[in-house]
Structures are given as C-alpha cells and as structure tokens.
Amino acid sequence: MKRVLFFALLLGFATLQAQNSDEDKRTISKGTWNLEGNVGFGFNSSESDYLNANQEANGSFISIFPSIGYSVADQWMVGLKTGYGFNKSEIERSNEAVSSENKSESITLAPYVRRYFGLTSNLVAHLQGEMGYLRAWTESVSSDSNRSTSEVNQYFAAIRPGLSFFVSDKLALETFIGALQYSSSKNEYDTSETVKNNNFRFDLDSSNILFGLSYYF
C-alpha cells in the first residue's frame, strides 16, 4: 500500500509540474551521452504454515545496475544496461532441528530505448523499454550439511517508468518505479530436473524500485 501511495504522489507531482510552458521544460538534446548507476535493495521477513509446522523466512538482496546511453534524437536515448545481484535468505521450521540458507548471484545484460518527457527545467519523466538476458546461480545449504544448486537462464522484455531530477546542469538524481515485464526462464537443478516458467506482470515490489545517479555530457 505504501508503494502504491508513493507512486500516486509522484504521478500527481509530475502532472502538476507539467503545466509549465514548453520553454521551461528540460530537453535531453541529440548527441548527449549518459553514464548512470542505479541500485535496489531490500529486506523481507515472512511466516507461513508448511506441513503442519510454522515456517519463518528472512532475507535480503542488493542489485547494482551501471549503464551507458547516447541520445540519437531530442528526448530519445539508446543504451546498454548491465547488472549484478546478490540475494540471501534463511529458512527455519518449528518442527525441524534443521534450517537452511539460500544464496544466489545473478548478472544481467539489457539494451534499452528511453523516451524522455520534460516536466520542468529540473524534472524529467521517462519510459524505458528493455530486452535482455539474466543468468543466476543459487546454492542451498542446510545445517545438516546437505547442499543443492540450481541455475536459471531468463530472457525478458520490460517497460520501466521513472523520474530524473537535475541537481545541476549535468548531474541528476534518478528513480525507476516498478516494471511491466514479460519473462521466460528455465531453471536447471543438480537433480537433473528442469522447470520452465513464463510470466507477465506489473511489479511494484522493492526489487523493481531503483535509485541512482546520472551524469549527462
């Protein structure tokens, strides 16, 4: 609910600011280069019933996305985004003396196209379309020394709305707010089992809310 309210407030602010005249709105000019870095992070905790026992899970993650872009026309940019993610979770069940720890790492490579919309002289909204590839490795180790591994290969297409606020002529604070995404993935386990998944959804969870800095030159 807090994320939805935050998103609504940003949209409302952007709508009010858009009343400014075109002369007051920032334009990302053709020939502009952009270097940026965004980060997402979060913590989660949950409890559930599993096989008539109480299961408690605690986890955290961090994702880092550096990218480079070039404006091929006024308000249009093409670029390449890369990424690294790390996720860790611990699971305990009340009826078992054994607990487990899961760790995963991922890399991402995604070309993108971005359309800017000037709102004020300092505030710019943008929509970013991406098509990319993600590869992830997961290891699960239990307290009785059992170990299992898996690998994920995922292809995805996404549209990400965002805002950039220029604190100077070249430097901007940036945020991406959610993602409308389709993905196709294949999970391969060390037991030789393979699971395929296809998903289409709009996510406002913390993994798709990113903050960072952009440098335009």
C-alpha atoms as a PDB file:
ATOM      1  CA  MET A   1       0.000   0.000   0.000  1.00  0.00           C
ATOM      2  CA  LYS A   2       2.877   2.380   0.806  1.00  0.00           C
ATOM      3  CA  ARG A   3       4.439   1.763  -2.605  1.00  0.00           C
ATOM      4  CA  VAL A   4       1.150   2.463  -4.383  1.00  0.00           C
ATOM      5  CA  LEU A   5       0.727   5.717  -2.416  1.00  0.00           C
ATOM      6  CA  PHE A   6       4.328   6.735  -3.196  1.00  0.00           C
ATOM      7  CA  PHE A   7       3.760   6.075  -6.903  1.00  0.00           C
ATOM      8  CA  ALA A   8       0.482   8.054  -6.880  1.00  0.00           C
ATOM      9  CA  LEU A   9       2.162  11.035  -5.189  1.00  0.00           C
ATOM     10  CA  LEU A  10       4.941  11.064  -7.784  1.00  0.00           C
ATOM     11  CA  LEU A  11       2.433  10.968 -10.634  1.00  0.00           C
ATOM     12  CA  GLY A  12       0.415  13.744  -9.050  1.00  0.00           C
ATOM     13  CA  PHE A  13       3.507  15.898  -8.630  1.00  0.00           C
ATOM     14  CA  ALA A  14       4.560  15.250 -12.212  1.00  0.00           C
ATOM     15  CA  THR A  15       1.090  16.189 -13.501  1.00  0.00           C
ATOM     16  CA  LEU A  16       1.136  19.498 -11.617  1.00  0.00           C
ATOM     17  CA  GLN A  17       4.625  20.325 -12.852  1.00  0.00           C
ATOM     18  CA  ALA A  18       3.678  19.525 -16.440  1.00  0.00           C
ATOM     19  CA  GLN A  19       1.538  22.692 -16.531  1.00  0.00           C
ATOM     20  CA  ASN A  20       4.712  24.726 -17.111  1.00  0.00           C
ATOM     21  CA  SER A  21       5.278  26.176 -20.573  1.00  0.00           C
ATOM     22  CA  ASP A  22       7.354  24.218 -23.083  1.00  0.00           C
ATOM     23  CA  GLU A  23      10.133  26.801 -22.838  1.00  0.00           C
ATOM     24  CA  ASP A  24      10.634  25.911 -19.160  1.00  0.00           C
ATOM     25  CA  LYS A  25      10.871  22.151 -19.738  1.00  0.00           C
ATOM     26  CA  ARG A  26      14.231  20.372 -19.951  1.00  0.00           C
ATOM     27  CA  THR A  27      15.190  18.679 -23.207  1.00  0.00           C
ATOM     28  CA  ILE A  28      17.756  15.889 -23.493  1.00  0.00           C
ATOM     29  CA  SER A  29      19.376  17.012 -26.723  1.00  0.00           C
ATOM     30  CA  LYS A  30      20.588  14.835 -29.575  1.00  0.00           C
ATOM     31  CA  GLY A  31      24.255  13.901 -29.139  1.00  0.00           C
ATOM     32  CA  THR A  32      24.118  13.759 -25.330  1.00  0.00           C
ATOM     33  CA  TRP A  33      25.898  10.889 -23.561  1.00  0.00           C
ATOM     34  CA  ASN A  34      24.662   9.468 -20.274  1.00  0.00           C
ATOM     35  CA  LEU A  35      26.518   7.471 -17.617  1.00  0.00           C
ATOM     36  CA  GLU A  36      24.383   6.193 -14.771  1.00  0.00           C
ATOM     37  CA  GLY A  37      24.270   3.803 -11.882  1.00  0.00           C
ATOM     38  CA  ASN A  38      21.184   2.551 -10.083  1.00  0.00           C
ATOM     39  CA  VAL A  39      20.832   0.378  -7.021  1.00  0.00           C
ATOM     40  CA  GLY A  40      17.980  -1.603  -5.485  1.00  0.00           C
ATOM     41  CA  PHE A  41      17.997  -3.222  -2.069  1.00  0.00           C
ATOM     42  CA  GLY A  42      15.586  -4.613   0.454  1.00  0.00           C
ATOM     43  CA  PHE A  43      14.845  -6.914   3.358  1.00  0.00           C
ATOM     44  CA  ASN A  44      11.969  -9.326   3.795  1.00  0.00           C
ATOM     45  CA  SER A  45      10.552 -11.494   6.545  1.00  0.00           C
ATOM     46  CA  SER A  46       7.618 -13.896   6.406  1.00  0.00           C
ATOM     47  CA  GLU A  47       5.892 -16.630   8.369  1.00  0.00           C
ATOM     48  CA  SER A  48       3.725 -19.411   6.959  1.00  0.00           C
ATOM     49  CA  ASP A  49       2.409 -22.901   7.664  1.00  0.00           C
ATOM     50  CA  TYR A  50       4.338 -25.688   5.977  1.00  0.00           C
ATOM     51  CA  LEU A  51       3.433 -29.347   6.527  1.00  0.00           C
ATOM     52  CA  ASN A  52       1.660 -28.500   9.804  1.00  0.00           C
ATOM     53  CA  ALA A  53       4.650 -26.527  11.044  1.00  0.00           C
ATOM     54  CA  ASN A  54       5.435 -22.866  11.353  1.00  0.00           C
ATOM     55  CA  GLN A  55       7.985 -21.733   8.768  1.00  0.00           C
ATOM     56  CA  GLU A  56       9.926 -18.487   9.168  1.00  0.00           C
ATOM     57  CA  ALA A  57      11.956 -16.963   6.340  1.00  0.00           C
ATOM     58  CA  ASN A  58      14.246 -13.923   6.454  1.00  0.00           C
ATOM     59  CA  GLY A  59      16.129 -12.500   3.520  1.00  0.00           C
ATOM     60  CA  SER A  60      17.905  -9.549   1.949  1.00  0.00           C
ATOM     61  CA  PHE A  61      19.049  -8.551  -1.523  1.00  0.00           C
ATOM     62  CA  ILE A  62      21.036  -5.899  -3.353  1.00  0.00           C
ATOM     63  CA  SER A  63      21.199  -5.151  -7.083  1.00  0.00           C
ATOM     64  CA  ILE A  64      23.556  -2.781  -8.918  1.00  0.00           C
ATOM     65  CA  PHE A  65      22.908  -1.569 -12.480  1.00  0.00           C
ATOM     66  CA  PRO A  66      25.535   0.547 -14.294  1.00  0.00           C
ATOM     67  CA  SER A  67      24.659   1.675 -17.830  1.00  0.00           C
ATOM     68  CA  ILE A  68      25.685   3.932 -20.700  1.00  0.00           C
ATOM     69  CA  GLY A  69      23.423   5.683 -23.193  1.00  0.00           C
ATOM     70  CA  TYR A  70      23.509   8.026 -26.195  1.00  0.00           C
ATOM     71  CA  SER A  71      20.760  10.396 -27.340  1.00  0.00           C
ATOM     72  CA  VAL A  72      20.065   9.643 -31.023  1.00  0.00           C
ATOM     73  CA  ALA A  73      17.424  12.399 -31.208  1.00  0.00           C
ATOM     74  CA  ASP A  74      15.981  15.017 -28.882  1.00  0.00           C
ATOM     75  CA  GLN A  75      14.345  13.187 -25.931  1.00  0.00           C
ATOM     76  CA  TRP A  76      15.309   9.733 -27.284  1.00  0.00           C
ATOM     77  CA  MET A  77      18.182   7.641 -25.937  1.00  0.00           C
ATOM     78  CA  VAL A  78      19.534   4.177 -26.685  1.00  0.00           C
ATOM     79  CA  GLY A  79      21.920   2.374 -24.396  1.00  0.00           C
ATOM     80  CA  LEU A  80      23.158  -0.742 -22.685  1.00  0.00           C
ATOM     81  CA  LYS A  81      22.457  -1.730 -19.072  1.00  0.00           C
ATOM     82  CA  THR A  82      24.401  -4.317 -17.107  1.00  0.00           C
ATOM     83  CA  GLY A  83      23.668  -5.610 -13.636  1.00  0.00           C
ATOM     84  CA  TYR A  84      24.779  -7.709 -10.695  1.00  0.00           C
ATOM     85  CA  GLY A  85      22.526  -9.019  -7.943  1.00  0.00           C
ATOM     86  CA  PHE A  86      23.036 -10.880  -4.673  1.00  0.00           C
ATOM     87  CA  ASN A  87      20.266 -12.468  -2.625  1.00  0.00           C
ATOM     88  CA  LYS A  88      20.441 -14.309   0.711  1.00  0.00           C
ATOM     89  CA  SER A  89      17.655 -15.983   2.690  1.00  0.00           C
ATOM     90  CA  GLU A  90      17.369 -18.228   5.752  1.00  0.00           C
ATOM     91  CA  ILE A  91      14.503 -20.631   6.461  1.00  0.00           C
ATOM     92  CA  GLU A  92      13.627 -22.280   9.783  1.00  0.00           C
ATOM     93  CA  ARG A  93      10.743 -24.644  10.624  1.00  0.00           C
ATOM     94  CA  SER A  94       9.415 -25.124  14.147  1.00  0.00           C
ATOM     95  CA  ASN A  95       9.139 -28.919  13.887  1.00  0.00           C
ATOM     96  CA  GLU A  96      12.635 -29.457  12.485  1.00  0.00           C
ATOM     97  CA  ALA A  97      16.054 -29.063  14.017  1.00  0.00           C
ATOM     98  CA  VAL A  98      17.431 -28.410  10.536  1.00  0.00           C
ATOM     99  CA  SER A  99      17.489 -24.930   8.991  1.00  0.00           C
ATOM    100  CA  SER A 100      18.618 -23.896   5.517  1.00  0.00           C
ATOM    101  CA  GLU A 101      20.398 -20.956   3.917  1.00  0.00           C
ATOM    102  CA  ASN A 102      19.997 -19.934   0.283  1.00  0.00           C
ATOM    103  CA  LYS A 103      22.371 -17.687  -1.641  1.00  0.00           C
ATOM    104  CA  SER A 104      22.053 -16.562  -5.230  1.00  0.00           C
ATOM    105  CA  GLU A 105      24.002 -14.340  -7.607  1.00  0.00           C
ATOM    106  CA  SER A 106      22.880 -13.002 -10.952  1.00  0.00           C
ATOM    107  CA  ILE A 107      24.167 -10.999 -13.908  1.00  0.00           C
ATOM    108  CA  THR A 108      22.051  -9.005 -16.355  1.00  0.00           C
ATOM    109  CA  LEU A 109      22.657  -7.593 -19.832  1.00  0.00           C
ATOM    110  CA  ALA A 110      19.943  -5.471 -21.453  1.00  0.00           C
ATOM    111  CA  PRO A 111      19.955  -2.996 -24.384  1.00  0.00           C
ATOM    112  CA  TYR A 112      17.362  -0.269 -23.890  1.00  0.00           C
ATOM    113  CA  VAL A 113      15.463   2.579 -25.551  1.00  0.00           C
ATOM    114  CA  ARG A 114      14.366   5.512 -23.383  1.00  0.00           C
ATOM    115  CA  ARG A 115      11.875   8.305 -24.110  1.00  0.00           C
ATOM    116  CA  TYR A 116      12.118  11.484 -22.020  1.00  0.00           C
ATOM    117  CA  PHE A 117       9.270  13.858 -21.169  1.00  0.00           C
ATOM    118  CA  GLY A 118      10.305  17.275 -19.839  1.00  0.00           C
ATOM    119  CA  LEU A 119       8.153  18.412 -16.930  1.00  0.00           C
ATOM    120  CA  THR A 120      10.123  21.397 -15.599  1.00  0.00           C
ATOM    121  CA  SER A 121      13.600  22.810 -16.065  1.00  0.00           C
ATOM    122  CA  ASN A 122      14.848  20.316 -13.473  1.00  0.00           C
ATOM    123  CA  LEU A 123      12.386  17.397 -13.580  1.00  0.00           C
ATOM    124  CA  VAL A 124      12.101  14.847 -16.393  1.00  0.00           C
ATOM    125  CA  ALA A 125       9.919  11.748 -16.623  1.00  0.00           C
ATOM    126  CA  HIS A 126      10.949   8.803 -18.775  1.00  0.00           C
ATOM    127  CA  LEU A 127       9.801   5.416 -20.056  1.00  0.00           C
ATOM    128  CA  GLN A 128      12.471   2.797 -20.685  1.00  0.00           C
ATOM    129  CA  GLY A 129      11.934  -0.269 -22.850  1.00  0.00           C
ATOM    130  CA  GLU A 130      14.375  -3.150 -22.367  1.00  0.00           C
ATOM    131  CA  MET A 131      15.038  -6.562 -23.872  1.00  0.00           C
ATOM    132  CA  GLY A 132      17.616  -8.578 -22.022  1.00  0.00           C
ATOM    133  CA  TYR A 133      19.128 -11.705 -20.561  1.00  0.00           C
ATOM    134  CA  LEU A 134      19.628 -12.733 -16.931  1.00  0.00           C
ATOM    135  CA  ARG A 135      21.647 -15.657 -15.602  1.00  0.00           C
ATOM    136  CA  ALA A 136      21.521 -16.671 -11.937  1.00  0.00           C
ATOM    137  CA  TRP A 137      23.186 -19.266  -9.723  1.00  0.00           C
ATOM    138  CA  THR A 138      21.635 -20.471  -6.464  1.00  0.00           C
ATOM    139  CA  GLU A 139      23.121 -22.579  -3.668  1.00  0.00           C
ATOM    140  CA  SER A 140      21.121 -24.008  -0.781  1.00  0.00           C
ATOM    141  CA  VAL A 141      22.923 -25.424   2.272  1.00  0.00           C
ATOM    142  CA  SER A 142      21.163 -26.935   5.279  1.00  0.00           C
ATOM    143  CA  SER A 143      22.533 -27.139   8.822  1.00  0.00           C
ATOM    144  CA  ASP A 144      22.984 -30.911   8.395  1.00  0.00           C
ATOM    145  CA  SER A 145      25.399 -30.195   5.502  1.00  0.00           C
ATOM    146  CA  ASN A 146      23.077 -31.140   2.635  1.00  0.00           C
ATOM    147  CA  ARG A 147      23.788 -28.999  -0.417  1.00  0.00           C
ATOM    148  CA  SER A 148      21.879 -28.344  -3.632  1.00  0.00           C
ATOM    149  CA  THR A 149      22.434 -25.980  -6.556  1.00  0.00           C
ATOM    150  CA  SER A 150      20.491 -24.617  -9.499  1.00  0.00           C
ATOM    151  CA  GLU A 151      20.968 -22.325 -12.478  1.00  0.00           C
ATOM    152  CA  VAL A 152      18.477 -20.003 -14.164  1.00  0.00           C
ATOM    153  CA  ASN A 153      18.538 -18.673 -17.715  1.00  0.00           C
ATOM    154  CA  GLN A 154      15.962 -15.940 -18.300  1.00  0.00           C
ATOM    155  CA  TYR A 155      15.006 -13.751 -21.255  1.00  0.00           C
ATOM    156  CA  PHE A 156      12.819 -10.752 -20.593  1.00  0.00           C
ATOM    157  CA  ALA A 157      11.205  -7.632 -22.024  1.00  0.00           C
ATOM    158  CA  ALA A 158      10.221  -4.779 -19.730  1.00  0.00           C
ATOM    159  CA  ILE A 159       8.907  -1.213 -19.641  1.00  0.00           C
ATOM    160  CA  ARG A 160      10.089   0.856 -16.672  1.00  0.00           C
ATOM    161  CA  PRO A 161       8.679   4.301 -15.757  1.00  0.00           C
ATOM    162  CA  GLY A 162      10.951   6.702 -13.923  1.00  0.00           C
ATOM    163  CA  LEU A 163      11.884  10.246 -12.959  1.00  0.00           C
ATOM    164  CA  SER A 164      15.122  12.256 -13.104  1.00  0.00           C
ATOM    165  CA  PHE A 165      15.698  15.388 -11.031  1.00  0.00           C
ATOM    166  CA  PHE A 166      18.618  17.558 -12.160  1.00  0.00           C
ATOM    167  CA  VAL A 167      20.577  18.985  -9.237  1.00  0.00           C
ATOM    168  CA  SER A 168      22.939  20.675 -11.722  1.00  0.00           C
ATOM    169  CA  ASP A 169      23.168  21.058 -15.471  1.00  0.00           C
ATOM    170  CA  LYS A 170      24.780  17.608 -15.866  1.00  0.00           C
ATOM    171  CA  LEU A 171      24.014  15.618 -12.710  1.00  0.00           C
ATOM    172  CA  ALA A 172      20.610  14.099 -11.949  1.00  0.00           C
ATOM    173  CA  LEU A 173      19.073  12.030  -9.163  1.00  0.00           C
ATOM    174  CA  GLU A 174      17.150   9.163 -10.689  1.00  0.00           C
ATOM    175  CA  THR A 175      14.499   6.635  -9.761  1.00  0.00           C
ATOM    176  CA  PHE A 176      12.694   3.813 -11.540  1.00  0.00           C
ATOM    177  CA  ILE A 177       9.275   2.904 -10.160  1.00  0.00           C
ATOM    178  CA  GLY A 178       8.161  -0.634 -10.944  1.00  0.00           C
ATOM    179  CA  ALA A 179       8.183  -2.604 -14.191  1.00  0.00           C
ATOM    180  CA  LEU A 180       5.684  -4.046 -16.667  1.00  0.00           C
ATOM    181  CA  GLN A 181       7.529  -7.222 -17.593  1.00  0.00           C
ATOM    182  CA  TYR A 182       7.309 -10.457 -19.555  1.00  0.00           C
ATOM    183  CA  SER A 183       9.897 -13.148 -18.853  1.00  0.00           C
ATOM    184  CA  SER A 184      10.659 -16.669 -19.987  1.00  0.00           C
ATOM    185  CA  SER A 185      13.009 -18.684 -17.804  1.00  0.00           C
ATOM    186  CA  LYS A 186      14.455 -22.178 -17.459  1.00  0.00           C
ATOM    187  CA  ASN A 187      15.596 -23.481 -14.058  1.00  0.00           C
ATOM    188  CA  GLU A 188      18.071 -26.363 -14.082  1.00  0.00           C
ATOM    189  CA  TYR A 189      18.662 -28.231 -10.795  1.00  0.00           C
ATOM    190  CA  ASP A 190      21.539 -30.512  -9.817  1.00  0.00           C
ATOM    191  CA  THR A 191      18.999 -33.356  -9.635  1.00  0.00           C
ATOM    192  CA  SER A 192      18.719 -33.050 -13.470  1.00  0.00           C
ATOM    193  CA  GLU A 193      15.218 -31.622 -13.066  1.00  0.00           C
ATOM    194  CA  THR A 194      14.304 -28.730 -15.392  1.00  0.00           C
ATOM    195  CA  VAL A 195      11.450 -26.284 -14.796  1.00  0.00           C
ATOM    196  CA  LYS A 196      10.275 -23.693 -17.337  1.00  0.00           C
ATOM    197  CA  ASN A 197       8.279 -20.584 -16.411  1.00  0.00           C
ATOM    198  CA  ASN A 198       6.603 -17.760 -18.340  1.00  0.00           C
ATOM    199  CA  ASN A 199       5.382 -14.653 -16.505  1.00  0.00           C
ATOM    200  CA  PHE A 200       3.683 -11.410 -17.458  1.00  0.00           C
ATOM    201  CA  ARG A 201       3.041  -8.895 -14.672  1.00  0.00           C
ATOM    202  CA  PHE A 202       3.422  -5.365 -13.344  1.00  0.00           C
ATOM    203  CA  ASP A 203       5.693  -5.305 -10.296  1.00  0.00           C
ATOM    204  CA  LEU A 204       5.899  -2.571  -7.679  1.00  0.00           C
ATOM    205  CA  ASP A 205       7.939  -4.652  -5.255  1.00  0.00           C
ATOM    206  CA  SER A 206      11.220  -3.371  -3.831  1.00  0.00           C
ATOM    207  CA  SER A 207      13.328  -5.262  -6.399  1.00  0.00           C
ATOM    208  CA  ASN A 208      11.870  -3.022  -9.131  1.00  0.00           C
ATOM    209  CA  ILE A 209      12.206   0.290  -7.275  1.00  0.00           C
ATOM    210  CA  LEU A 210      15.658   1.658  -8.062  1.00  0.00           C
ATOM    211  CA  PHE A 211      17.555   4.790  -7.066  1.00  0.00           C
ATOM    212  CA  GLY A 212      20.717   6.242  -8.518  1.00  0.00           C
ATOM    213  CA  LEU A 213      22.703   8.994 -10.207  1.00  0.00           C
ATOM    214  CA  SER A 214      23.018  10.011 -13.873  1.00  0.00           C
ATOM    215  CA  TYR A 215      25.709  12.139 -15.496  1.00  0.00           C
ATOM    216  CA  TYR A 216      24.874  13.802 -18.845  1.00  0.00           C
ATOM    217  CA  PHE A 217      27.597  15.228 -21.077  1.00  0.00           C
END
